[in-house]
mmCIF file of all heavy atoms, coordinates in Angstrom:
data_MODEL
# 
_entry.id   MODEL 
# 
loop_
_atom_site.group_PDB 
_atom_site.id 
_atom_site.type_symbol 
_atom_site.label_atom_id 
_atom_site.label_alt_id 
_atom_site.label_comp_id 
_atom_site.label_asym_id 
_atom_site.label_entity_id 
_atom_site.label_seq_id 
_atom_site.pdbx_PDB_ins_code 
_atom_site.Cartn_x 
_atom_site.Cartn_y 
_atom_site.Cartn_z 
_atom_site.occupancy 
_atom_site.B_iso_or_equiv 
_atom_site.pdbx_formal_charge 
_atom_site.auth_seq_id 
_atom_site.auth_comp_id 
_atom_site.auth_asym_id 
_atom_site.auth_atom_id 
_atom_site.pdbx_PDB_model_num 
ATOM 1   N N   . ALA A 1 1  ? 115.300 113.417 7.375  1.00 0.00 ? 1  ALA A N   1 
ATOM 2   C CA  . ALA A 1 1  ? 114.172 113.025 6.533  1.00 0.00 ? 1  ALA A CA  1 
ATOM 3   C C   . ALA A 1 1  ? 114.658 112.090 5.431  1.00 0.00 ? 1  ALA A C   1 
ATOM 4   O O   . ALA A 1 1  ? 114.202 112.145 4.292  1.00 0.00 ? 1  ALA A O   1 
ATOM 5   C CB  . ALA A 1 1  ? 113.496 114.256 5.932  1.00 0.00 ? 1  ALA A CB  1 
ATOM 6   N N   . ALA A 1 2  ? 115.595 111.227 5.791  1.00 0.00 ? 2  ALA A N   1 
ATOM 7   C CA  . ALA A 1 2  ? 116.167 110.251 4.880  1.00 0.00 ? 2  ALA A CA  1 
ATOM 8   C C   . ALA A 1 2  ? 115.603 108.870 5.226  1.00 0.00 ? 2  ALA A C   1 
ATOM 9   O O   . ALA A 1 2  ? 115.009 108.690 6.290  1.00 0.00 ? 2  ALA A O   1 
ATOM 10  C CB  . ALA A 1 2  ? 117.690 110.255 5.016  1.00 0.00 ? 2  ALA A CB  1 
ATOM 11  N N   . PRO A 1 3  ? 115.757 107.866 4.348  1.00 0.00 ? 3  PRO A N   1 
ATOM 12  C CA  . PRO A 1 3  ? 115.307 106.515 4.681  1.00 0.00 ? 3  PRO A CA  1 
ATOM 13  C C   . PRO A 1 3  ? 115.869 106.051 6.022  1.00 0.00 ? 3  PRO A C   1 
ATOM 14  O O   . PRO A 1 3  ? 117.014 106.380 6.369  1.00 0.00 ? 3  PRO A O   1 
ATOM 15  C CB  . PRO A 1 3  ? 115.856 105.676 3.524  1.00 0.00 ? 3  PRO A CB  1 
ATOM 16  C CG  . PRO A 1 3  ? 115.887 106.630 2.368  1.00 0.00 ? 3  PRO A CG  1 
ATOM 17  C CD  . PRO A 1 3  ? 116.282 107.950 2.971  1.00 0.00 ? 3  PRO A CD  1 
ATOM 18  N N   . VAL A 1 4  ? 115.074 105.270 6.776  1.00 0.00 ? 4  VAL A N   1 
ATOM 19  C CA  . VAL A 1 4  ? 115.451 104.952 8.149  1.00 0.00 ? 4  VAL A CA  1 
ATOM 20  C C   . VAL A 1 4  ? 116.773 104.189 8.241  1.00 0.00 ? 4  VAL A C   1 
ATOM 21  O O   . VAL A 1 4  ? 117.472 104.291 9.256  1.00 0.00 ? 4  VAL A O   1 
ATOM 22  C CB  . VAL A 1 4  ? 114.330 104.169 8.868  1.00 0.00 ? 4  VAL A CB  1 
ATOM 23  C CG1 . VAL A 1 4  ? 113.144 105.065 9.124  1.00 0.00 ? 4  VAL A CG1 1 
ATOM 24  C CG2 . VAL A 1 4  ? 113.925 102.924 8.082  1.00 0.00 ? 4  VAL A CG2 1 
ATOM 25  N N   . ALA A 1 5  ? 117.143 103.454 7.211  1.00 0.00 ? 5  ALA A N   1 
ATOM 26  C CA  . ALA A 1 5  ? 118.410 102.727 7.254  1.00 0.00 ? 5  ALA A CA  1 
ATOM 27  C C   . ALA A 1 5  ? 119.613 103.660 7.282  1.00 0.00 ? 5  ALA A C   1 
ATOM 28  O O   . ALA A 1 5  ? 120.713 103.258 7.663  1.00 0.00 ? 5  ALA A O   1 
ATOM 29  C CB  . ALA A 1 5  ? 118.527 101.775 6.062  1.00 0.00 ? 5  ALA A CB  1 
ATOM 30  N N   . GLN A 1 6  ? 119.403 104.912 6.885  1.00 0.00 ? 6  GLN A N   1 
ATOM 31  C CA  . GLN A 1 6  ? 120.494 105.886 6.890  1.00 0.00 ? 6  GLN A CA  1 
ATOM 32  C C   . GLN A 1 6  ? 120.622 106.628 8.226  1.00 0.00 ? 6  GLN A C   1 
ATOM 33  O O   . GLN A 1 6  ? 121.545 107.424 8.410  1.00 0.00 ? 6  GLN A O   1 
ATOM 34  C CB  . GLN A 1 6  ? 120.276 106.908 5.776  1.00 0.00 ? 6  GLN A CB  1 
ATOM 35  C CG  . GLN A 1 6  ? 120.309 106.327 4.371  1.00 0.00 ? 6  GLN A CG  1 
ATOM 36  C CD  . GLN A 1 6  ? 120.041 107.383 3.321  1.00 0.00 ? 6  GLN A CD  1 
ATOM 37  O OE1 . GLN A 1 6  ? 120.401 108.555 3.479  1.00 0.00 ? 6  GLN A OE1 1 
ATOM 38  N NE2 . GLN A 1 6  ? 119.389 106.997 2.242  1.00 0.00 ? 6  GLN A NE2 1 
ATOM 39  N N   . THR A 1 7  ? 119.716 106.354 9.150  1.00 0.00 ? 7  THR A N   1 
ATOM 40  C CA  . THR A 1 7  ? 119.695 107.105 10.404 1.00 0.00 ? 7  THR A CA  1 
ATOM 41  C C   . THR A 1 7  ? 121.015 107.013 11.154 1.00 0.00 ? 7  THR A C   1 
ATOM 42  O O   . THR A 1 7  ? 121.590 108.033 11.556 1.00 0.00 ? 7  THR A O   1 
ATOM 43  C CB  . THR A 1 7  ? 118.553 106.609 11.313 1.00 0.00 ? 7  THR A CB  1 
ATOM 44  O OG1 . THR A 1 7  ? 117.306 106.809 10.641 1.00 0.00 ? 7  THR A OG1 1 
ATOM 45  C CG2 . THR A 1 7  ? 118.541 107.368 12.631 1.00 0.00 ? 7  THR A CG2 1 
ATOM 46  N N   . GLU A 1 8  ? 121.494 105.807 11.371 1.00 0.00 ? 8  GLU A N   1 
ATOM 47  C CA  . GLU A 1 8  ? 122.700 105.648 12.184 1.00 0.00 ? 8  GLU A CA  1 
ATOM 48  C C   . GLU A 1 8  ? 123.932 106.279 11.548 1.00 0.00 ? 8  GLU A C   1 
ATOM 49  O O   . GLU A 1 8  ? 124.656 107.018 12.224 1.00 0.00 ? 8  GLU A O   1 
ATOM 50  C CB  . GLU A 1 8  ? 122.943 104.179 12.503 1.00 0.00 ? 8  GLU A CB  1 
ATOM 51  C CG  . GLU A 1 8  ? 124.044 103.989 13.537 1.00 0.00 ? 8  GLU A CG  1 
ATOM 52  C CD  . GLU A 1 8  ? 124.035 102.610 14.157 1.00 0.00 ? 8  GLU A CD  1 
ATOM 53  O OE1 . GLU A 1 8  ? 123.043 101.860 13.997 1.00 0.00 ? 8  GLU A OE1 1 
ATOM 54  O OE2 . GLU A 1 8  ? 125.033 102.262 14.824 1.00 0.00 ? 8  GLU A OE2 1 
ATOM 55  N N   . PRO A 1 9  ? 124.204 106.031 10.262 1.00 0.00 ? 9  PRO A N   1 
ATOM 56  C CA  . PRO A 1 9  ? 125.385 106.701 9.678  1.00 0.00 ? 9  PRO A CA  1 
ATOM 57  C C   . PRO A 1 9  ? 125.283 108.218 9.664  1.00 0.00 ? 9  PRO A C   1 
ATOM 58  O O   . PRO A 1 9  ? 126.288 108.904 9.854  1.00 0.00 ? 9  PRO A O   1 
ATOM 59  C CB  . PRO A 1 9  ? 125.466 106.125 8.252  1.00 0.00 ? 9  PRO A CB  1 
ATOM 60  C CG  . PRO A 1 9  ? 124.192 105.420 8.010  1.00 0.00 ? 9  PRO A CG  1 
ATOM 61  C CD  . PRO A 1 9  ? 123.644 105.034 9.332  1.00 0.00 ? 9  PRO A CD  1 
ATOM 62  N N   . ILE A 1 10 ? 124.085 108.745 9.457  1.00 0.00 ? 10 ILE A N   1 
ATOM 63  C CA  . ILE A 1 10 ? 123.934 110.209 9.482  1.00 0.00 ? 10 ILE A CA  1 
ATOM 64  C C   . ILE A 1 10 ? 124.198 110.740 10.882 1.00 0.00 ? 10 ILE A C   1 
ATOM 65  O O   . ILE A 1 10 ? 124.947 111.715 11.063 1.00 0.00 ? 10 ILE A O   1 
ATOM 66  C CB  . ILE A 1 10 ? 122.536 110.632 8.999  1.00 0.00 ? 10 ILE A CB  1 
ATOM 67  C CG1 . ILE A 1 10 ? 122.370 110.351 7.503  1.00 0.00 ? 10 ILE A CG1 1 
ATOM 68  C CG2 . ILE A 1 10 ? 122.301 112.117 9.276  1.00 0.00 ? 10 ILE A CG2 1 
ATOM 69  C CD1 . ILE A 1 10 ? 120.981 110.621 6.974  1.00 0.00 ? 10 ILE A CD1 1 
ATOM 70  N N   . LEU A 1 11 ? 123.612 110.111 11.896 1.00 0.00 ? 11 LEU A N   1 
ATOM 71  C CA  . LEU A 1 11 ? 123.818 110.568 13.271 1.00 0.00 ? 11 LEU A CA  1 
ATOM 72  C C   . LEU A 1 11 ? 125.278 110.410 13.691 1.00 0.00 ? 11 LEU A C   1 
ATOM 73  O O   . LEU A 1 11 ? 125.807 111.254 14.429 1.00 0.00 ? 11 LEU A O   1 
ATOM 74  C CB  . LEU A 1 11 ? 122.907 109.801 14.229 1.00 0.00 ? 11 LEU A CB  1 
ATOM 75  C CG  . LEU A 1 11 ? 121.423 110.140 14.146 1.00 0.00 ? 11 LEU A CG  1 
ATOM 76  C CD1 . LEU A 1 11 ? 120.617 109.247 15.079 1.00 0.00 ? 11 LEU A CD1 1 
ATOM 77  C CD2 . LEU A 1 11 ? 121.168 111.607 14.473 1.00 0.00 ? 11 LEU A CD2 1 
ATOM 78  N N   . ALA A 1 12 ? 125.926 109.351 13.219 1.00 0.00 ? 12 ALA A N   1 
ATOM 79  C CA  . ALA A 1 12 ? 127.342 109.169 13.548 1.00 0.00 ? 12 ALA A CA  1 
ATOM 80  C C   . ALA A 1 12 ? 128.194 110.285 12.943 1.00 0.00 ? 12 ALA A C   1 
ATOM 81  O O   . ALA A 1 12 ? 129.164 110.746 13.557 1.00 0.00 ? 12 ALA A O   1 
ATOM 82  C CB  . ALA A 1 12 ? 127.822 107.809 13.042 1.00 0.00 ? 12 ALA A CB  1 
ATOM 83  N N   . ALA A 1 13 ? 127.804 110.739 11.751 1.00 0.00 ? 13 ALA A N   1 
ATOM 84  C CA  . ALA A 1 13 ? 128.525 111.848 11.113 1.00 0.00 ? 13 ALA A CA  1 
ATOM 85  C C   . ALA A 1 13 ? 128.239 113.169 11.812 1.00 0.00 ? 13 ALA A C   1 
ATOM 86  O O   . ALA A 1 13 ? 129.099 114.058 11.893 1.00 0.00 ? 13 ALA A O   1 
ATOM 87  C CB  . ALA A 1 13 ? 128.142 111.930 9.634  1.00 0.00 ? 13 ALA A CB  1 
ATOM 88  N N   . ILE A 1 14 ? 127.038 113.309 12.335 1.00 0.00 ? 14 ILE A N   1 
ATOM 89  C CA  . ILE A 1 14 ? 126.643 114.524 13.041 1.00 0.00 ? 14 ILE A CA  1 
ATOM 90  C C   . ILE A 1 14 ? 127.316 114.631 14.398 1.00 0.00 ? 14 ILE A C   1 
ATOM 91  O O   . ILE A 1 14 ? 127.736 115.722 14.823 1.00 0.00 ? 14 ILE A O   1 
ATOM 92  C CB  . ILE A 1 14 ? 125.109 114.557 13.217 1.00 0.00 ? 14 ILE A CB  1 
ATOM 93  C CG1 . ILE A 1 14 ? 124.411 114.851 11.887 1.00 0.00 ? 14 ILE A CG1 1 
ATOM 94  C CG2 . ILE A 1 14 ? 124.690 115.595 14.267 1.00 0.00 ? 14 ILE A CG2 1 
ATOM 95  C CD1 . ILE A 1 14 ? 122.904 114.736 11.975 1.00 0.00 ? 14 ILE A CD1 1 
ATOM 96  N N   . ALA A 1 15 ? 127.408 113.521 15.101 1.00 0.00 ? 15 ALA A N   1 
ATOM 97  C CA  . ALA A 1 15 ? 127.784 113.508 16.518 1.00 0.00 ? 15 ALA A CA  1 
ATOM 98  C C   . ALA A 1 15 ? 129.003 114.351 16.890 1.00 0.00 ? 15 ALA A C   1 
ATOM 99  O O   . ALA A 1 15 ? 128.950 115.130 17.856 1.00 0.00 ? 15 ALA A O   1 
ATOM 100 C CB  . ALA A 1 15 ? 127.972 112.066 16.991 1.00 0.00 ? 15 ALA A CB  1 
ATOM 101 N N   . PRO A 1 16 ? 130.114 114.260 16.157 1.00 0.00 ? 16 PRO A N   1 
ATOM 102 C CA  . PRO A 1 16 ? 131.292 115.039 16.567 1.00 0.00 ? 16 PRO A CA  1 
ATOM 103 C C   . PRO A 1 16 ? 131.093 116.549 16.490 1.00 0.00 ? 16 PRO A C   1 
ATOM 104 O O   . PRO A 1 16 ? 131.807 117.307 17.137 1.00 0.00 ? 16 PRO A O   1 
ATOM 105 C CB  . PRO A 1 16 ? 132.382 114.583 15.579 1.00 0.00 ? 16 PRO A CB  1 
ATOM 106 C CG  . PRO A 1 16 ? 131.894 113.296 15.007 1.00 0.00 ? 16 PRO A CG  1 
ATOM 107 C CD  . PRO A 1 16 ? 130.407 113.416 14.987 1.00 0.00 ? 16 PRO A CD  1 
ATOM 108 N N   . HIS A 1 17 ? 130.116 116.979 15.689 1.00 0.00 ? 17 HIS A N   1 
ATOM 109 C CA  . HIS A 1 17 ? 129.899 118.405 15.454 1.00 0.00 ? 17 HIS A CA  1 
ATOM 110 C C   . HIS A 1 17 ? 128.635 118.929 16.135 1.00 0.00 ? 17 HIS A C   1 
ATOM 111 O O   . HIS A 1 17 ? 128.293 120.101 15.976 1.00 0.00 ? 17 HIS A O   1 
ATOM 112 C CB  . HIS A 1 17 ? 129.799 118.666 13.950 1.00 0.00 ? 17 HIS A CB  1 
ATOM 113 C CG  . HIS A 1 17 ? 130.907 118.047 13.157 1.00 0.00 ? 17 HIS A CG  1 
ATOM 114 N ND1 . HIS A 1 17 ? 132.197 118.501 13.205 1.00 0.00 ? 17 HIS A ND1 1 
ATOM 115 C CD2 . HIS A 1 17 ? 130.906 116.965 12.318 1.00 0.00 ? 17 HIS A CD2 1 
ATOM 116 C CE1 . HIS A 1 17 ? 132.950 117.746 12.418 1.00 0.00 ? 17 HIS A CE1 1 
ATOM 117 N NE2 . HIS A 1 17 ? 132.192 116.817 11.867 1.00 0.00 ? 17 HIS A NE2 1 
ATOM 118 N N   . LEU A 1 18 ? 127.953 118.072 16.879 1.00 0.00 ? 18 LEU A N   1 
ATOM 119 C CA  . LEU A 1 18 ? 126.682 118.445 17.491 1.00 0.00 ? 18 LEU A CA  1 
ATOM 120 C C   . LEU A 1 18 ? 126.916 119.313 18.723 1.00 0.00 ? 18 LEU A C   1 
ATOM 121 O O   . LEU A 1 18 ? 127.488 118.867 19.711 1.00 0.00 ? 18 LEU A O   1 
ATOM 122 C CB  . LEU A 1 18 ? 125.889 117.186 17.863 1.00 0.00 ? 18 LEU A CB  1 
ATOM 123 C CG  . LEU A 1 18 ? 124.477 117.383 18.411 1.00 0.00 ? 18 LEU A CG  1 
ATOM 124 C CD1 . LEU A 1 18 ? 123.603 118.158 17.415 1.00 0.00 ? 18 LEU A CD1 1 
ATOM 125 C CD2 . LEU A 1 18 ? 123.854 116.028 18.729 1.00 0.00 ? 18 LEU A CD2 1 
ATOM 126 N N   . GLN A 1 19 ? 126.446 120.555 18.645 1.00 0.00 ? 19 GLN A N   1 
ATOM 127 C CA  . GLN A 1 19 ? 126.637 121.507 19.734 1.00 0.00 ? 19 GLN A CA  1 
ATOM 128 C C   . GLN A 1 19 ? 125.539 121.348 20.781 1.00 0.00 ? 19 GLN A C   1 
ATOM 129 O O   . GLN A 1 19 ? 124.439 120.878 20.479 1.00 0.00 ? 19 GLN A O   1 
ATOM 130 C CB  . GLN A 1 19 ? 126.643 122.933 19.177 1.00 0.00 ? 19 GLN A CB  1 
ATOM 131 C CG  . GLN A 1 19 ? 127.765 123.183 18.172 1.00 0.00 ? 19 GLN A CG  1 
ATOM 132 C CD  . GLN A 1 19 ? 127.700 124.572 17.551 1.00 0.00 ? 19 GLN A CD  1 
ATOM 133 O OE1 . GLN A 1 19 ? 126.735 125.301 17.717 1.00 0.00 ? 19 GLN A OE1 1 
ATOM 134 N NE2 . GLN A 1 19 ? 128.747 124.939 16.829 1.00 0.00 ? 19 GLN A NE2 1 
ATOM 135 N N   . PRO A 1 20 ? 125.812 121.741 22.024 1.00 0.00 ? 20 PRO A N   1 
ATOM 136 C CA  . PRO A 1 20 ? 124.843 121.547 23.114 1.00 0.00 ? 20 PRO A CA  1 
ATOM 137 C C   . PRO A 1 20 ? 123.479 122.185 22.858 1.00 0.00 ? 20 PRO A C   1 
ATOM 138 O O   . PRO A 1 20 ? 122.458 121.678 23.313 1.00 0.00 ? 20 PRO A O   1 
ATOM 139 C CB  . PRO A 1 20 ? 125.528 122.191 24.318 1.00 0.00 ? 20 PRO A CB  1 
ATOM 140 C CG  . PRO A 1 20 ? 126.987 122.108 24.002 1.00 0.00 ? 20 PRO A CG  1 
ATOM 141 C CD  . PRO A 1 20 ? 127.090 122.290 22.518 1.00 0.00 ? 20 PRO A CD  1 
ATOM 142 N N   . GLY A 1 21 ? 123.422 123.273 22.123 1.00 0.00 ? 21 GLY A N   1 
ATOM 143 C CA  . GLY A 1 21 ? 122.147 123.958 21.923 1.00 0.00 ? 21 GLY A CA  1 
ATOM 144 C C   . GLY A 1 21 ? 121.315 123.448 20.772 1.00 0.00 ? 21 GLY A C   1 
ATOM 145 O O   . GLY A 1 21 ? 120.242 123.986 20.489 1.00 0.00 ? 21 GLY A O   1 
ATOM 146 N N   . THR A 1 22 ? 121.771 122.404 20.088 1.00 0.00 ? 22 THR A N   1 
ATOM 147 C CA  . THR A 1 22 ? 121.069 121.900 18.911 1.00 0.00 ? 22 THR A CA  1 
ATOM 148 C C   . THR A 1 22 ? 120.220 120.680 19.265 1.00 0.00 ? 22 THR A C   1 
ATOM 149 O O   . THR A 1 22 ? 120.680 119.783 19.963 1.00 0.00 ? 22 THR A O   1 
ATOM 150 C CB  . THR A 1 22 ? 122.073 121.508 17.811 1.00 0.00 ? 22 THR A CB  1 
ATOM 151 O OG1 . THR A 1 22 ? 122.861 122.648 17.455 1.00 0.00 ? 22 THR A OG1 1 
ATOM 152 C CG2 . THR A 1 22 ? 121.350 121.000 16.573 1.00 0.00 ? 22 THR A CG2 1 
ATOM 153 N N   . VAL A 1 23 ? 118.992 120.665 18.769 1.00 0.00 ? 23 VAL A N   1 
ATOM 154 C CA  . VAL A 1 23 ? 118.098 119.518 18.949 1.00 0.00 ? 23 VAL A CA  1 
ATOM 155 C C   . VAL A 1 23 ? 117.983 118.796 17.606 1.00 0.00 ? 23 VAL A C   1 
ATOM 156 O O   . VAL A 1 23 ? 117.833 119.421 16.563 1.00 0.00 ? 23 VAL A O   1 
ATOM 157 C CB  . VAL A 1 23 ? 116.704 119.960 19.427 1.00 0.00 ? 23 VAL A CB  1 
ATOM 158 C CG1 . VAL A 1 23 ? 115.777 118.754 19.563 1.00 0.00 ? 23 VAL A CG1 1 
ATOM 159 C CG2 . VAL A 1 23 ? 116.810 120.698 20.753 1.00 0.00 ? 23 VAL A CG2 1 
ATOM 160 N N   . VAL A 1 24 ? 118.054 117.467 17.662 1.00 0.00 ? 24 VAL A N   1 
ATOM 161 C CA  . VAL A 1 24 ? 117.940 116.640 16.461 1.00 0.00 ? 24 VAL A CA  1 
ATOM 162 C C   . VAL A 1 24 ? 116.638 115.854 16.540 1.00 0.00 ? 24 VAL A C   1 
ATOM 163 O O   . VAL A 1 24 ? 116.274 115.332 17.602 1.00 0.00 ? 24 VAL A O   1 
ATOM 164 C CB  . VAL A 1 24 ? 119.124 115.666 16.336 1.00 0.00 ? 24 VAL A CB  1 
ATOM 165 C CG1 . VAL A 1 24 ? 119.025 114.860 15.037 1.00 0.00 ? 24 VAL A CG1 1 
ATOM 166 C CG2 . VAL A 1 24 ? 120.455 116.414 16.403 1.00 0.00 ? 24 VAL A CG2 1 
ATOM 167 N N   . THR A 1 25 ? 115.926 115.768 15.428 1.00 0.00 ? 25 THR A N   1 
ATOM 168 C CA  . THR A 1 25 ? 114.732 114.937 15.350 1.00 0.00 ? 25 THR A CA  1 
ATOM 169 C C   . THR A 1 25 ? 114.740 114.196 14.026 1.00 0.00 ? 25 THR A C   1 
ATOM 170 O O   . THR A 1 25 ? 115.649 114.379 13.213 1.00 0.00 ? 25 THR A O   1 
ATOM 171 C CB  . THR A 1 25 ? 113.453 115.789 15.515 1.00 0.00 ? 25 THR A CB  1 
ATOM 172 O OG1 . THR A 1 25 ? 112.318 114.931 15.636 1.00 0.00 ? 25 THR A OG1 1 
ATOM 173 C CG2 . THR A 1 25 ? 113.257 116.724 14.324 1.00 0.00 ? 25 THR A CG2 1 
ATOM 174 N N   . ASP A 1 26 ? 113.746 113.350 13.824 1.00 0.00 ? 26 ASP A N   1 
ATOM 175 C CA  . ASP A 1 26 ? 113.684 112.604 12.572 1.00 0.00 ? 26 ASP A CA  1 
ATOM 176 C C   . ASP A 1 26 ? 112.245 112.507 12.110 1.00 0.00 ? 26 ASP A C   1 
ATOM 177 O O   . ASP A 1 26 ? 111.322 112.916 12.816 1.00 0.00 ? 26 ASP A O   1 
ATOM 178 C CB  . ASP A 1 26 ? 114.309 111.211 12.736 1.00 0.00 ? 26 ASP A CB  1 
ATOM 179 C CG  . ASP A 1 26 ? 113.370 110.229 13.429 1.00 0.00 ? 26 ASP A CG  1 
ATOM 180 O OD1 . ASP A 1 26 ? 112.893 110.574 14.534 1.00 0.00 ? 26 ASP A OD1 1 
ATOM 181 O OD2 . ASP A 1 26 ? 113.114 109.143 12.889 1.00 0.00 ? 26 ASP A OD2 1 
ATOM 182 N N   . ALA A 1 27 ? 112.076 111.962 10.899 1.00 0.00 ? 27 ALA A N   1 
ATOM 183 C CA  . ALA A 1 27 ? 110.738 111.797 10.336 1.00 0.00 ? 27 ALA A CA  1 
ATOM 184 C C   . ALA A 1 27 ? 110.496 110.349 9.951  1.00 0.00 ? 27 ALA A C   1 
ATOM 185 O O   . ALA A 1 27 ? 109.652 110.049 9.114  1.00 0.00 ? 27 ALA A O   1 
ATOM 186 C CB  . ALA A 1 27 ? 110.572 112.701 9.112  1.00 0.00 ? 27 ALA A CB  1 
ATOM 187 N N   . GLY A 1 28 ? 111.243 109.434 10.563 1.00 0.00 ? 28 GLY A N   1 
ATOM 188 C CA  . GLY A 1 28 ? 111.170 108.033 10.200 1.00 0.00 ? 28 GLY A CA  1 
ATOM 189 C C   . GLY A 1 28 ? 109.848 107.378 10.571 1.00 0.00 ? 28 GLY A C   1 
ATOM 190 O O   . GLY A 1 28 ? 109.238 107.702 11.591 1.00 0.00 ? 28 GLY A O   1 
# 
């Protein structure tokens, strides 16, 4: 729920720790 320009850096930070059972969504 951050400004859309932050989407890619946030997802890049998440990616290494994202477990198979977790779903990611956004509010952009």
